[in-house]
């Protein structure tokens, strides 16, 4: 990965073979980013995305192993227990333009990834909600 800072924004280029969540988390740690959001595009393979079942309070994931265009990558950066916390969603499209999307668990860059990270002043932590079943933003 290479990146450059422009004011409160960073432009990241992820390279072939890099795992998206790991690369972004490494970047967030290196730059000590506590709060922000991101948007991106590119091409990925070995994607795992999921959906949260509210009745069961459980995530269900699907694996996609071909090459896919990232139609949309967006999410936010916060902290939980003092550690970086990424909440990302991704929509991917196959060669027939079928689109699949959901909560991003993993994805490996197969061509390139271009991500813009906007850093926000401050820090927001997360806390697990027994009622909902996920880690919610805690103000």
C-alpha atoms as a PDB file:
ATOM      1  CA  UNK A   1       0.000   0.000   0.000  1.00  0.00           C
ATOM      2  CA  UNK A   2       1.019   3.538  -0.681  1.00  0.00           C
ATOM      3  CA  UNK A   3      -0.774   6.673   0.441  1.00  0.00           C
ATOM      4  CA  UNK A   4      -0.551  10.426   0.611  1.00  0.00           C
ATOM      5  CA  UNK A   5      -2.206  13.004   2.881  1.00  0.00           C
ATOM      6  CA  UNK A   6      -4.194  15.960   1.540  1.00  0.00           C
ATOM      7  CA  UNK A   7      -5.443  18.153   4.401  1.00  0.00           C
ATOM      8  CA  UNK A   8      -7.718  15.958   6.536  1.00  0.00           C
ATOM      9  CA  UNK A   9      -7.973  13.315   3.788  1.00  0.00           C
ATOM     10  CA  UNK A  10      -5.730  10.462   2.735  1.00  0.00           C
ATOM     11  CA  UNK A  11      -5.678   8.769  -0.644  1.00  0.00           C
ATOM     12  CA  UNK A  12      -4.657   5.099  -0.353  1.00  0.00           C
ATOM     13  CA  UNK A  13      -3.661   2.707  -3.112  1.00  0.00           C
ATOM     14  CA  UNK A  14      -3.932  -0.941  -2.139  1.00  0.00           C
ATOM     15  CA  UNK A  15      -1.990  -3.364  -4.289  1.00  0.00           C
ATOM     16  CA  UNK A  16      -2.704  -6.815  -5.690  1.00  0.00           C
ATOM     17  CA  UNK A  17      -2.686  -9.453  -2.941  1.00  0.00           C
ATOM     18  CA  UNK A  18      -3.437  -7.087  -0.040  1.00  0.00           C
ATOM     19  CA  UNK A  19      -6.384  -7.905   2.193  1.00  0.00           C
ATOM     20  CA  UNK A  20      -8.592  -4.794   2.469  1.00  0.00           C
ATOM     21  CA  UNK A  21      -9.476  -4.846   6.186  1.00  0.00           C
ATOM     22  CA  UNK A  22      -5.936  -5.694   7.284  1.00  0.00           C
ATOM     23  CA  UNK A  23      -4.358  -3.031   5.079  1.00  0.00           C
ATOM     24  CA  UNK A  24      -6.767  -0.313   6.196  1.00  0.00           C
ATOM     25  CA  UNK A  25      -6.372  -1.287   9.856  1.00  0.00           C
ATOM     26  CA  UNK A  26      -2.568  -1.185   9.547  1.00  0.00           C
ATOM     27  CA  UNK A  27      -2.854   2.279   7.979  1.00  0.00           C
ATOM     28  CA  UNK A  28      -5.200   3.512  10.740  1.00  0.00           C
ATOM     29  CA  UNK A  29      -2.784   2.282  13.420  1.00  0.00           C
ATOM     30  CA  UNK A  30       0.256   3.803  11.684  1.00  0.00           C
ATOM     31  CA  UNK A  31      -1.440   7.201  11.293  1.00  0.00           C
ATOM     32  CA  UNK A  32      -3.104   7.026  14.748  1.00  0.00           C
ATOM     33  CA  UNK A  33      -6.570   7.707  13.319  1.00  0.00           C
ATOM     34  CA  UNK A  34      -9.302   7.456  15.964  1.00  0.00           C
ATOM     35  CA  UNK A  35     -12.321   8.670  13.982  1.00  0.00           C
ATOM     36  CA  UNK A  36     -13.183   8.940  10.304  1.00  0.00           C
ATOM     37  CA  UNK A  37     -14.934   7.477   7.331  1.00  0.00           C
ATOM     38  CA  UNK A  38     -13.898   6.049   3.994  1.00  0.00           C
ATOM     39  CA  UNK A  39     -15.031   5.396   0.451  1.00  0.00           C
ATOM     40  CA  UNK A  40     -13.377   3.257  -2.169  1.00  0.00           C
ATOM     41  CA  UNK A  41     -13.410   1.269  -5.369  1.00  0.00           C
ATOM     42  CA  UNK A  42     -11.225  -1.199  -7.206  1.00  0.00           C
ATOM     43  CA  UNK A  43     -11.256  -4.926  -7.890  1.00  0.00           C
ATOM     44  CA  UNK A  44     -11.216  -7.847  -5.448  1.00  0.00           C
ATOM     45  CA  UNK A  45     -11.302 -11.617  -5.162  1.00  0.00           C
ATOM     46  CA  UNK A  46     -11.880 -14.017  -2.274  1.00  0.00           C
ATOM     47  CA  UNK A  47     -14.548 -11.768  -0.797  1.00  0.00           C
ATOM     48  CA  UNK A  48     -16.559 -12.605   2.283  1.00  0.00           C
ATOM     49  CA  UNK A  49     -19.560 -10.373   3.000  1.00  0.00           C
ATOM     50  CA  UNK A  50     -22.426 -10.891   5.371  1.00  0.00           C
ATOM     51  CA  UNK A  51     -25.792  -9.890   6.677  1.00  0.00           C
ATOM     52  CA  UNK A  52     -26.804  -9.506  10.315  1.00  0.00           C
ATOM     53  CA  UNK A  53     -29.914 -11.522  11.205  1.00  0.00           C
ATOM     54  CA  UNK A  54     -31.661  -9.358  13.794  1.00  0.00           C
ATOM     55  CA  UNK A  55     -33.880 -12.129  15.154  1.00  0.00           C
ATOM     56  CA  UNK A  56     -30.940 -14.447  15.817  1.00  0.00           C
ATOM     57  CA  UNK A  57     -28.412 -11.663  16.586  1.00  0.00           C
ATOM     58  CA  UNK A  58     -25.972 -13.437  14.303  1.00  0.00           C
ATOM     59  CA  UNK A  59     -24.046 -12.666  11.101  1.00  0.00           C
ATOM     60  CA  UNK A  60     -24.371 -14.916   8.067  1.00  0.00           C
ATOM     61  CA  UNK A  61     -21.672 -14.647   5.413  1.00  0.00           C
ATOM     62  CA  UNK A  62     -21.209 -15.678   1.813  1.00  0.00           C
ATOM     63  CA  UNK A  63     -17.883 -16.254   0.074  1.00  0.00           C
ATOM     64  CA  UNK A  64     -17.220 -15.072  -3.486  1.00  0.00           C
ATOM     65  CA  UNK A  65     -14.062 -16.438  -5.128  1.00  0.00           C
ATOM     66  CA  UNK A  66     -14.042 -14.977  -8.656  1.00  0.00           C
ATOM     67  CA  UNK A  67     -12.801 -11.513  -9.620  1.00  0.00           C
ATOM     68  CA  UNK A  68     -15.247  -8.695  -8.825  1.00  0.00           C
ATOM     69  CA  UNK A  69     -15.416  -4.954  -9.290  1.00  0.00           C
ATOM     70  CA  UNK A  70     -15.962  -2.993  -6.096  1.00  0.00           C
ATOM     71  CA  UNK A  71     -19.171  -1.106  -6.886  1.00  0.00           C
ATOM     72  CA  UNK A  72     -19.029   0.559  -3.495  1.00  0.00           C
ATOM     73  CA  UNK A  73     -16.838   0.415  -0.413  1.00  0.00           C
ATOM     74  CA  UNK A  74     -17.763   2.650   2.470  1.00  0.00           C
ATOM     75  CA  UNK A  75     -17.650   2.670   6.216  1.00  0.00           C
ATOM     76  CA  UNK A  76     -16.381   4.314   9.332  1.00  0.00           C
ATOM     77  CA  UNK A  77     -13.430   4.247  11.664  1.00  0.00           C
ATOM     78  CA  UNK A  78     -13.848   4.424  15.433  1.00  0.00           C
ATOM     79  CA  UNK A  79     -12.376   2.673  18.456  1.00  0.00           C
ATOM     80  CA  UNK A  80     -13.439  -0.067  20.833  1.00  0.00           C
ATOM     81  CA  UNK A  81     -11.595  -0.608  24.096  1.00  0.00           C
ATOM     82  CA  UNK A  82      -8.882   1.719  22.835  1.00  0.00           C
ATOM     83  CA  UNK A  83      -8.268  -0.325  19.655  1.00  0.00           C
ATOM     84  CA  UNK A  84      -9.105   0.674  16.051  1.00  0.00           C
ATOM     85  CA  UNK A  85     -12.545  -0.515  14.953  1.00  0.00           C
ATOM     86  CA  UNK A  86     -13.535  -0.627  11.278  1.00  0.00           C
ATOM     87  CA  UNK A  87     -17.152  -0.987  10.202  1.00  0.00           C
ATOM     88  CA  UNK A  88     -17.131  -1.450   6.420  1.00  0.00           C
ATOM     89  CA  UNK A  89     -19.681  -2.478   3.835  1.00  0.00           C
ATOM     90  CA  UNK A  90     -18.890  -3.511   0.271  1.00  0.00           C
ATOM     91  CA  UNK A  91     -20.928  -4.048  -2.877  1.00  0.00           C
ATOM     92  CA  UNK A  92     -19.279  -6.152  -5.588  1.00  0.00           C
ATOM     93  CA  UNK A  93     -20.306  -6.837  -9.198  1.00  0.00           C
ATOM     94  CA  UNK A  94     -19.473  -9.858 -11.340  1.00  0.00           C
ATOM     95  CA  UNK A  95     -18.925 -10.049 -15.118  1.00  0.00           C
ATOM     96  CA  UNK A  96     -22.699 -10.156 -15.731  1.00  0.00           C
ATOM     97  CA  UNK A  97     -23.145  -7.079 -13.487  1.00  0.00           C
ATOM     98  CA  UNK A  98     -24.858  -9.128 -10.786  1.00  0.00           C
ATOM     99  CA  UNK A  99     -24.278  -7.246  -7.555  1.00  0.00           C
ATOM    100  CA  UNK A 100     -23.811  -8.605  -4.049  1.00  0.00           C
ATOM    101  CA  UNK A 101     -23.229  -6.603  -0.922  1.00  0.00           C
ATOM    102  CA  UNK A 102     -23.135  -6.487   2.818  1.00  0.00           C
ATOM    103  CA  UNK A 103     -20.906  -6.225   5.869  1.00  0.00           C
ATOM    104  CA  UNK A 104     -17.289  -6.743   4.802  1.00  0.00           C
ATOM    105  CA  UNK A 105     -15.478  -9.596   6.535  1.00  0.00           C
ATOM    106  CA  UNK A 106     -12.577  -9.929   4.089  1.00  0.00           C
ATOM    107  CA  UNK A 107     -11.556  -9.194   0.502  1.00  0.00           C
ATOM    108  CA  UNK A 108      -8.270  -9.483  -1.356  1.00  0.00           C
ATOM    109  CA  UNK A 109      -7.265  -6.921  -3.957  1.00  0.00           C
ATOM    110  CA  UNK A 110      -6.838  -8.552  -7.385  1.00  0.00           C
ATOM    111  CA  UNK A 111      -6.019  -5.428  -9.430  1.00  0.00           C
ATOM    112  CA  UNK A 112      -5.930  -2.280  -7.287  1.00  0.00           C
ATOM    113  CA  UNK A 113      -7.898  -0.570  -4.554  1.00  0.00           C
ATOM    114  CA  UNK A 114      -8.350   3.197  -4.322  1.00  0.00           C
ATOM    115  CA  UNK A 115      -9.640   4.451  -0.996  1.00  0.00           C
ATOM    116  CA  UNK A 116     -10.197   7.951   0.376  1.00  0.00           C
ATOM    117  CA  UNK A 117     -10.126   8.269   4.165  1.00  0.00           C
ATOM    118  CA  UNK A 118     -11.534  11.433   5.778  1.00  0.00           C
ATOM    119  CA  UNK A 119     -10.207  11.982   9.298  1.00  0.00           C
ATOM    120  CA  UNK A 120     -12.574  13.565  11.823  1.00  0.00           C
ATOM    121  CA  UNK A 121     -11.433  15.403  14.938  1.00  0.00           C
ATOM    122  CA  UNK A 122     -12.167  13.500  18.126  1.00  0.00           C
ATOM    123  CA  UNK A 123     -12.708   9.947  19.208  1.00  0.00           C
ATOM    124  CA  UNK A 124     -15.810   7.772  19.492  1.00  0.00           C
ATOM    125  CA  UNK A 125     -15.747   4.379  21.171  1.00  0.00           C
ATOM    126  CA  UNK A 126     -18.029   1.373  20.679  1.00  0.00           C
ATOM    127  CA  UNK A 127     -19.758  -0.876  23.142  1.00  0.00           C
ATOM    128  CA  UNK A 128     -21.504  -4.216  22.701  1.00  0.00           C
ATOM    129  CA  UNK A 129     -25.301  -3.994  22.970  1.00  0.00           C
ATOM    130  CA  UNK A 130     -26.930  -7.099  24.440  1.00  0.00           C
ATOM    131  CA  UNK A 131     -30.309  -5.869  23.167  1.00  0.00           C
ATOM    132  CA  UNK A 132     -29.220  -5.417  19.529  1.00  0.00           C
ATOM    133  CA  UNK A 133     -26.381  -7.945  19.401  1.00  0.00           C
ATOM    134  CA  UNK A 134     -23.673  -5.796  17.806  1.00  0.00           C
ATOM    135  CA  UNK A 135     -21.070  -3.192  18.779  1.00  0.00           C
ATOM    136  CA  UNK A 136     -22.791   0.199  18.738  1.00  0.00           C
ATOM    137  CA  UNK A 137     -21.273   3.661  18.679  1.00  0.00           C
ATOM    138  CA  UNK A 138     -21.162   5.020  22.229  1.00  0.00           C
ATOM    139  CA  UNK A 139     -21.297   8.807  22.661  1.00  0.00           C
END
